[in-house]
N, C-alpha and C. Protein backbone atom coordinates (compact mmCIF):
# COMPACT_ATOMS: atom_id res chain seq x y z
N UNK A 1 20.31 -12.51 -28.57
CA UNK A 1 19.29 -13.04 -29.45
C UNK A 1 18.95 -12.04 -30.56
N UNK A 2 18.89 -10.77 -30.23
CA UNK A 2 18.54 -9.76 -31.25
C UNK A 2 19.56 -9.73 -32.38
N UNK A 3 20.90 -9.75 -32.08
CA UNK A 3 21.84 -9.76 -33.22
C UNK A 3 21.62 -10.96 -34.14
N UNK A 4 21.25 -12.12 -33.59
CA UNK A 4 20.98 -13.29 -34.41
C UNK A 4 19.80 -13.02 -35.34
N UNK A 5 18.76 -12.40 -34.82
CA UNK A 5 17.59 -12.07 -35.64
C UNK A 5 17.95 -11.06 -36.73
N UNK A 6 18.80 -10.11 -36.40
CA UNK A 6 19.20 -9.10 -37.39
C UNK A 6 19.96 -9.70 -38.55
N UNK A 7 20.66 -10.81 -38.31
CA UNK A 7 21.43 -11.44 -39.39
C UNK A 7 20.55 -12.22 -40.36
N UNK A 8 19.34 -12.52 -39.95
CA UNK A 8 18.43 -13.28 -40.82
C UNK A 8 17.79 -12.33 -41.83
N UNK A 9 18.17 -12.47 -43.09
CA UNK A 9 17.66 -11.56 -44.12
C UNK A 9 16.20 -11.80 -44.47
N UNK A 10 15.62 -12.87 -43.98
CA UNK A 10 14.20 -13.14 -44.21
C UNK A 10 13.30 -12.45 -43.19
N UNK A 11 13.90 -11.79 -42.21
CA UNK A 11 13.14 -11.11 -41.17
C UNK A 11 13.32 -9.60 -41.27
N UNK A 12 12.27 -8.89 -40.95
CA UNK A 12 12.34 -7.44 -40.84
C UNK A 12 12.00 -7.08 -39.40
N UNK A 13 12.91 -6.41 -38.74
CA UNK A 13 12.68 -6.00 -37.36
C UNK A 13 12.22 -4.55 -37.32
N UNK A 14 11.29 -4.28 -36.46
CA UNK A 14 10.79 -2.92 -36.32
C UNK A 14 10.35 -2.67 -34.89
N UNK A 15 9.94 -1.46 -34.63
CA UNK A 15 9.49 -1.08 -33.30
C UNK A 15 7.99 -1.31 -33.17
N UNK A 16 7.61 -2.06 -32.16
CA UNK A 16 6.18 -2.25 -31.89
C UNK A 16 5.64 -1.08 -31.08
N UNK A 17 6.51 -0.45 -30.32
CA UNK A 17 6.12 0.67 -29.47
C UNK A 17 7.12 1.80 -29.70
N UNK A 18 6.75 2.85 -30.43
CA UNK A 18 7.71 3.92 -30.74
C UNK A 18 8.23 4.66 -29.51
N UNK A 19 7.50 4.62 -28.42
CA UNK A 19 7.97 5.26 -27.18
C UNK A 19 9.04 4.41 -26.53
N UNK A 20 9.00 3.12 -26.74
CA UNK A 20 10.00 2.23 -26.19
C UNK A 20 9.62 1.69 -24.83
N UNK A 21 10.50 0.91 -24.28
CA UNK A 21 10.33 0.31 -22.97
C UNK A 21 10.81 1.28 -21.91
N UNK A 22 10.03 1.48 -20.89
CA UNK A 22 10.40 2.41 -19.84
C UNK A 22 10.81 1.63 -18.61
N UNK A 23 12.09 1.65 -18.30
CA UNK A 23 12.61 1.00 -17.11
C UNK A 23 12.84 2.06 -16.04
N UNK A 24 12.39 1.78 -14.84
CA UNK A 24 12.49 2.77 -13.76
C UNK A 24 13.09 2.11 -12.52
N UNK A 25 14.00 2.80 -11.88
CA UNK A 25 14.52 2.36 -10.60
C UNK A 25 13.88 3.26 -9.54
N UNK A 26 13.19 2.65 -8.60
CA UNK A 26 12.52 3.43 -7.57
C UNK A 26 12.91 2.89 -6.20
N UNK A 27 13.26 3.79 -5.31
CA UNK A 27 13.67 3.42 -3.96
C UNK A 27 12.45 3.32 -3.05
N UNK A 28 12.48 2.37 -2.13
CA UNK A 28 11.49 2.33 -1.06
C UNK A 28 12.02 3.24 0.03
N UNK A 29 11.65 4.49 -0.03
CA UNK A 29 12.21 5.51 0.87
C UNK A 29 11.65 5.43 2.29
N UNK A 30 10.76 4.48 2.54
CA UNK A 30 10.20 4.32 3.88
C UNK A 30 11.09 3.45 4.77
N UNK A 31 11.99 2.69 4.17
CA UNK A 31 12.83 1.76 4.92
C UNK A 31 14.31 2.05 4.72
N UNK A 32 15.12 1.74 5.77
CA UNK A 32 16.56 1.93 5.66
C UNK A 32 17.14 1.01 4.59
N UNK A 33 18.20 1.39 3.95
CA UNK A 33 18.93 2.64 4.11
C UNK A 33 18.39 3.78 3.26
N UNK A 34 17.37 3.47 2.43
CA UNK A 34 16.89 4.48 1.48
C UNK A 34 15.97 5.52 2.08
N UNK A 35 15.73 5.45 3.38
CA UNK A 35 14.99 6.53 4.02
C UNK A 35 15.89 7.75 4.24
N UNK A 36 17.15 7.61 3.95
CA UNK A 36 18.12 8.71 4.04
C UNK A 36 18.36 9.24 2.62
N UNK A 37 17.99 10.48 2.40
CA UNK A 37 18.10 11.07 1.06
C UNK A 37 19.55 11.06 0.57
N UNK A 38 20.51 11.11 1.48
CA UNK A 38 21.93 11.10 1.08
C UNK A 38 22.31 9.76 0.46
N UNK A 39 21.73 8.68 0.95
CA UNK A 39 21.99 7.35 0.38
C UNK A 39 21.36 7.25 -1.01
N UNK A 40 20.16 7.76 -1.15
CA UNK A 40 19.51 7.74 -2.48
C UNK A 40 20.32 8.54 -3.49
N UNK A 41 20.83 9.66 -3.07
CA UNK A 41 21.65 10.49 -3.97
C UNK A 41 22.94 9.76 -4.35
N UNK A 42 23.53 9.05 -3.40
CA UNK A 42 24.76 8.31 -3.68
C UNK A 42 24.52 7.24 -4.75
N UNK A 43 23.40 6.56 -4.65
CA UNK A 43 23.07 5.53 -5.65
C UNK A 43 22.86 6.17 -7.02
N UNK A 44 22.16 7.28 -7.07
CA UNK A 44 21.92 7.96 -8.35
C UNK A 44 23.23 8.39 -9.01
N UNK A 45 24.19 8.82 -8.20
CA UNK A 45 25.49 9.22 -8.74
C UNK A 45 26.25 8.01 -9.26
N UNK A 46 26.12 6.87 -8.57
CA UNK A 46 26.93 5.69 -8.90
C UNK A 46 26.38 4.86 -10.05
N UNK A 47 25.06 4.82 -10.21
CA UNK A 47 24.45 3.93 -11.20
C UNK A 47 24.82 4.37 -12.62
N UNK A 48 25.22 3.39 -13.40
CA UNK A 48 25.53 3.64 -14.81
C UNK A 48 24.42 3.00 -15.63
N UNK A 49 23.58 3.82 -16.20
CA UNK A 49 22.39 3.34 -16.91
C UNK A 49 22.74 2.34 -18.01
N UNK A 50 23.84 2.57 -18.71
CA UNK A 50 24.22 1.67 -19.80
C UNK A 50 24.40 0.23 -19.33
N UNK A 51 24.92 0.02 -18.13
CA UNK A 51 25.10 -1.35 -17.62
C UNK A 51 23.77 -2.09 -17.58
N UNK A 52 22.75 -1.43 -17.11
CA UNK A 52 21.43 -2.06 -17.01
C UNK A 52 20.80 -2.26 -18.38
N UNK A 53 20.94 -1.27 -19.24
CA UNK A 53 20.33 -1.35 -20.56
C UNK A 53 21.01 -2.44 -21.41
N UNK A 54 22.32 -2.56 -21.28
CA UNK A 54 23.02 -3.62 -22.00
C UNK A 54 22.57 -5.00 -21.52
N UNK A 55 22.33 -5.14 -20.23
CA UNK A 55 21.85 -6.42 -19.69
C UNK A 55 20.46 -6.75 -20.22
N UNK A 56 19.60 -5.76 -20.29
CA UNK A 56 18.22 -5.97 -20.73
C UNK A 56 18.15 -6.28 -22.23
N UNK A 57 19.02 -5.65 -23.01
CA UNK A 57 18.95 -5.79 -24.47
C UNK A 57 19.92 -6.84 -25.01
N UNK A 58 20.59 -7.55 -24.14
CA UNK A 58 21.53 -8.57 -24.61
C UNK A 58 22.76 -7.98 -25.27
N UNK A 59 23.14 -6.79 -24.86
CA UNK A 59 24.34 -6.16 -25.40
C UNK A 59 24.13 -5.41 -26.70
N UNK A 60 22.91 -5.25 -27.13
CA UNK A 60 22.62 -4.56 -28.40
C UNK A 60 22.43 -3.07 -28.13
N UNK A 61 23.45 -2.28 -28.42
CA UNK A 61 23.40 -0.84 -28.16
C UNK A 61 22.42 -0.10 -29.06
N UNK A 62 22.00 -0.73 -30.15
CA UNK A 62 21.03 -0.08 -31.04
C UNK A 62 19.59 -0.27 -30.54
N UNK A 63 19.41 -1.08 -29.50
CA UNK A 63 18.07 -1.40 -29.02
C UNK A 63 17.59 -0.47 -27.91
N UNK A 64 18.39 0.50 -27.55
CA UNK A 64 17.97 1.44 -26.51
C UNK A 64 18.57 2.81 -26.73
N UNK A 65 18.00 3.74 -26.04
CA UNK A 65 18.47 5.13 -26.09
C UNK A 65 18.84 5.54 -24.68
N UNK A 66 20.00 6.12 -24.52
CA UNK A 66 20.42 6.62 -23.21
C UNK A 66 19.54 7.81 -22.87
N UNK A 67 18.75 7.69 -21.84
CA UNK A 67 17.80 8.74 -21.48
C UNK A 67 17.71 8.84 -19.96
N UNK A 68 18.19 9.92 -19.43
CA UNK A 68 18.17 10.14 -17.98
C UNK A 68 17.04 11.10 -17.63
N UNK A 69 15.82 10.64 -17.86
CA UNK A 69 14.63 11.45 -17.60
C UNK A 69 13.56 10.58 -16.98
N UNK A 70 12.67 11.19 -16.23
CA UNK A 70 11.57 10.44 -15.63
C UNK A 70 10.60 9.94 -16.69
N UNK A 71 10.29 10.78 -17.65
CA UNK A 71 9.41 10.40 -18.75
C UNK A 71 10.28 10.13 -19.99
N UNK A 72 9.84 9.25 -20.89
CA UNK A 72 10.67 8.86 -22.03
C UNK A 72 11.14 10.05 -22.87
N UNK A 73 12.40 10.03 -23.24
CA UNK A 73 12.95 11.06 -24.12
C UNK A 73 12.22 11.01 -25.45
N UNK A 74 12.02 12.17 -26.03
CA UNK A 74 11.30 12.26 -27.29
C UNK A 74 9.81 12.47 -27.11
N UNK A 75 9.35 12.44 -25.87
CA UNK A 75 7.95 12.71 -25.58
C UNK A 75 7.85 14.14 -25.01
N UNK A 76 6.67 14.72 -24.96
CA UNK A 76 6.56 16.11 -24.50
C UNK A 76 7.15 16.39 -23.12
N UNK A 77 7.11 15.43 -22.21
CA UNK A 77 7.62 15.67 -20.87
C UNK A 77 9.00 15.05 -20.63
N UNK A 78 9.59 14.48 -21.66
CA UNK A 78 10.88 13.80 -21.53
C UNK A 78 12.05 14.75 -21.56
N UNK A 79 12.36 15.38 -20.44
CA UNK A 79 13.49 16.29 -20.37
C UNK A 79 14.58 15.67 -19.49
N UNK A 80 15.82 15.97 -19.82
CA UNK A 80 16.95 15.44 -19.07
C UNK A 80 17.61 16.55 -18.24
N UNK A 81 16.81 17.33 -17.57
CA UNK A 81 17.33 18.46 -16.80
C UNK A 81 18.27 18.04 -15.67
N UNK A 82 18.06 16.85 -15.13
CA UNK A 82 18.88 16.39 -14.01
C UNK A 82 19.87 15.32 -14.43
N UNK A 83 20.18 15.23 -15.69
CA UNK A 83 21.08 14.19 -16.19
C UNK A 83 22.45 14.26 -15.54
N UNK A 84 22.88 15.44 -15.12
CA UNK A 84 24.21 15.57 -14.51
C UNK A 84 24.31 14.81 -13.19
N UNK A 85 23.18 14.53 -12.55
CA UNK A 85 23.18 13.79 -11.29
C UNK A 85 23.56 12.34 -11.53
N UNK A 86 23.10 11.76 -12.63
CA UNK A 86 23.36 10.35 -12.95
C UNK A 86 24.68 10.24 -13.70
N UNK A 87 25.76 10.27 -12.95
CA UNK A 87 27.10 10.32 -13.53
C UNK A 87 27.67 8.95 -13.87
N UNK A 88 27.18 7.91 -13.23
CA UNK A 88 27.76 6.59 -13.43
C UNK A 88 29.14 6.47 -12.83
N UNK A 89 29.38 7.18 -11.75
CA UNK A 89 30.69 7.23 -11.10
C UNK A 89 30.63 6.46 -9.77
N UNK A 90 31.08 5.21 -9.81
CA UNK A 90 31.03 4.35 -8.63
C UNK A 90 31.85 4.90 -7.47
N UNK A 91 33.02 5.44 -7.76
CA UNK A 91 33.86 5.99 -6.69
C UNK A 91 33.19 7.19 -6.01
N UNK A 92 32.56 8.05 -6.80
CA UNK A 92 31.85 9.20 -6.22
C UNK A 92 30.67 8.72 -5.38
N UNK A 93 29.99 7.68 -5.83
CA UNK A 93 28.89 7.11 -5.06
C UNK A 93 29.37 6.54 -3.74
N UNK A 94 30.49 5.84 -3.75
CA UNK A 94 31.06 5.30 -2.51
C UNK A 94 31.41 6.42 -1.54
N UNK A 95 31.98 7.49 -2.07
CA UNK A 95 32.35 8.62 -1.23
C UNK A 95 31.12 9.24 -0.57
N UNK A 96 30.05 9.39 -1.36
CA UNK A 96 28.81 9.95 -0.81
C UNK A 96 28.19 9.02 0.23
N UNK A 97 28.27 7.71 0.02
CA UNK A 97 27.77 6.76 1.02
C UNK A 97 28.54 6.88 2.33
N UNK A 98 29.84 7.02 2.21
CA UNK A 98 30.67 7.17 3.41
C UNK A 98 30.31 8.46 4.14
N UNK A 99 30.14 9.54 3.39
CA UNK A 99 29.76 10.82 4.00
C UNK A 99 28.38 10.74 4.67
N UNK A 100 27.51 9.87 4.15
CA UNK A 100 26.17 9.70 4.73
C UNK A 100 26.21 8.84 5.99
N UNK A 101 27.37 8.24 6.25
CA UNK A 101 27.49 7.41 7.44
C UNK A 101 27.07 5.97 7.24
N UNK A 102 26.82 5.58 6.00
CA UNK A 102 26.41 4.21 5.73
C UNK A 102 27.65 3.32 5.72
N UNK A 103 27.61 2.25 6.52
CA UNK A 103 28.79 1.38 6.66
C UNK A 103 28.52 -0.04 6.16
N UNK A 104 27.57 -0.22 5.27
CA UNK A 104 27.32 -1.52 4.70
C UNK A 104 26.42 -2.42 5.52
N UNK A 105 25.73 -1.85 6.49
CA UNK A 105 24.84 -2.64 7.34
C UNK A 105 23.74 -3.26 6.51
N UNK A 106 23.45 -4.54 6.79
CA UNK A 106 22.38 -5.24 6.08
C UNK A 106 21.13 -5.21 6.96
N UNK A 107 20.02 -4.80 6.36
CA UNK A 107 18.77 -4.73 7.11
C UNK A 107 17.96 -5.95 6.89
């Protein structure tokens, strides 16, 4: 939908919120399988942030910023010190799940 709006020369698109939309993935660490820190780490290694952002923005790569931080990038607390953890490597995530002993059990 956004690309369609961008093609309309009678419209001007701008940011309503300069900080942007903050999407967060949070585990319920009180219940299996996420009560195991090794499983949570495996998911963090496997998740590719771009996949989620493209889904939310309708494929418009100009509508988001890749930011692997707890607080929004560009703000005083928005640091990406742990960005290396979020590799977007599904195979590495599978390997870590196997090492954690998770066998696909459904709770």
